[in-house]
Amino acid sequence: MSRYVLREIERALERPTRRELLEAIRSQPEMVLDPSPAEIIREERDRR
């Protein structure tokens, strides 16, 4: 049991914090999708 707990603690410590994750996401360049996902979905629904 103690090995399991230690392994889980180690795994938790290796993961980025929420702040680090948000900073990484914010640092990514903005993507512009053309056509937008909403337009693709709308077109697909209109075909039905």
Protein backbone atom coordinates (compact mmCIF):
# COMPACT_ATOMS: atom_id res chain seq x y z
CA MET A 1 0.00 0.00 0.00
CA SER A 2 2.73 2.48 0.89
CA ARG A 3 4.45 1.94 -2.50
CA TYR A 4 1.20 2.72 -4.20
CA VAL A 5 0.74 5.92 -2.20
CA LEU A 6 4.32 7.02 -2.86
CA ARG A 7 3.93 6.35 -6.59
CA GLU A 8 0.70 8.37 -6.69
CA ILE A 9 2.35 11.26 -4.84
CA GLU A 10 5.27 11.20 -7.29
CA ARG A 11 2.89 11.20 -10.25
CA ALA A 12 0.94 14.11 -8.79
CA LEU A 13 4.13 16.11 -8.28
CA GLU A 14 5.21 15.52 -11.90
CA ARG A 15 2.02 17.03 -13.29
CA PRO A 16 1.95 20.75 -14.01
CA THR A 17 -0.03 22.96 -11.68
CA ARG A 18 -3.19 24.63 -12.95
CA ARG A 19 -1.30 27.89 -13.21
CA GLU A 20 1.49 26.28 -15.25
CA LEU A 21 -1.05 24.60 -17.52
CA LEU A 22 -2.95 27.85 -18.10
CA GLU A 23 0.29 29.71 -18.82
CA ALA A 24 1.28 27.06 -21.35
CA ILE A 25 -2.12 27.28 -23.05
CA ARG A 26 -2.04 31.08 -23.13
CA SER A 27 1.45 31.08 -24.64
CA GLN A 28 0.25 29.13 -27.69
CA PRO A 29 -0.41 31.16 -30.82
CA GLU A 30 -4.06 31.82 -31.60
CA MET A 31 -5.48 29.58 -34.28
CA VAL A 32 -7.95 30.80 -36.85
CA LEU A 33 -9.95 27.99 -38.37
CA ASP A 34 -11.50 28.56 -41.76
CA PRO A 35 -14.20 27.48 -42.01
CA SER A 36 -15.00 27.62 -38.33
CA PRO A 37 -16.11 24.45 -36.53
CA ALA A 38 -19.56 26.01 -36.11
CA GLU A 39 -19.84 26.53 -39.88
CA ILE A 40 -18.81 22.95 -40.56
CA ILE A 41 -21.41 21.62 -38.14
CA ARG A 42 -24.09 23.92 -39.58
CA GLU A 43 -23.34 22.75 -43.13
CA GLU A 44 -23.43 19.12 -42.05
CA ARG A 45 -26.80 19.59 -40.32
CA ASP A 46 -28.20 21.39 -43.34
CA ARG A 47 -27.33 18.40 -45.55
CA ARG A 48 -29.65 16.15 -43.55
